[in-house]
């Protein structure tokens, strides 16, 4: 039995970049401010460290 898995999650366009940054929390806040993006999720380790974060750009 084979099942089809969509590698791109529903509701997301084709490109999903991953970045590793020294102050990811500040970068995420800045992207939202500059690009009009909205943060869709944030997994904080500390105030300055993120385990994961997602933004959706305004189009």
Protein backbone atom coordinates (compact mmCIF):
# COMPACT_ATOMS: atom_id res chain seq x y z
CA UNK A 1 0.00 0.00 0.00
CA UNK A 2 1.48 3.35 -1.02
CA UNK A 3 0.19 6.69 0.14
CA UNK A 4 0.78 10.05 -1.44
CA UNK A 5 2.42 12.65 0.78
CA UNK A 6 2.34 16.28 -0.28
CA UNK A 7 5.81 17.74 0.49
CA UNK A 8 4.34 21.27 0.60
CA UNK A 9 1.84 21.84 3.44
CA UNK A 10 -1.65 22.99 2.44
CA UNK A 11 -1.89 26.78 2.30
CA UNK A 12 1.83 27.34 1.71
CA UNK A 13 3.42 28.38 -1.57
CA UNK A 14 6.29 26.37 -3.01
CA UNK A 15 9.32 27.89 -1.23
CA UNK A 16 9.92 27.39 2.48
CA UNK A 17 13.40 28.70 3.45
CA UNK A 18 15.17 27.75 6.67
CA UNK A 19 17.56 30.19 8.31
CA UNK A 20 19.92 29.82 11.26
CA UNK A 21 20.49 33.16 12.96
CA UNK A 22 22.24 34.40 16.09
CA UNK A 23 19.18 36.37 17.35
CA UNK A 24 16.31 34.66 15.58
CA UNK A 25 13.65 36.23 17.81
CA UNK A 26 14.71 39.77 16.80
CA UNK A 27 15.00 38.72 13.16
CA UNK A 28 11.51 37.23 13.17
CA UNK A 29 10.08 40.41 14.71
CA UNK A 30 11.94 42.50 12.12
CA UNK A 31 10.66 40.43 9.17
CA UNK A 32 7.11 40.92 10.39
CA UNK A 33 7.68 44.68 10.73
CA UNK A 34 9.52 45.26 7.44
CA UNK A 35 7.69 42.85 5.13
CA UNK A 36 4.25 43.03 6.70
CA UNK A 37 4.49 39.33 7.51
CA UNK A 38 2.49 37.68 10.25
CA UNK A 39 4.04 35.17 12.60
CA UNK A 40 2.17 31.89 12.31
CA UNK A 41 4.01 30.09 15.12
CA UNK A 42 6.91 30.48 17.54
CA UNK A 43 8.64 27.92 19.72
CA UNK A 44 10.80 29.87 22.18
CA UNK A 45 13.72 28.33 24.06
CA UNK A 46 14.66 31.59 25.81
CA UNK A 47 13.77 35.23 25.14
CA UNK A 48 16.49 35.45 22.45
CA UNK A 49 16.52 31.85 21.20
CA UNK A 50 13.91 30.25 19.00
CA UNK A 51 13.63 26.56 18.38
CA UNK A 52 11.36 27.26 15.44
CA UNK A 53 9.36 30.10 13.97
CA UNK A 54 7.07 30.57 11.00
CA UNK A 55 6.02 33.69 9.13
CA UNK A 56 3.61 34.27 6.33
CA UNK A 57 4.48 37.14 4.01
CA UNK A 58 1.86 39.66 3.02
CA UNK A 59 1.05 39.40 -0.68
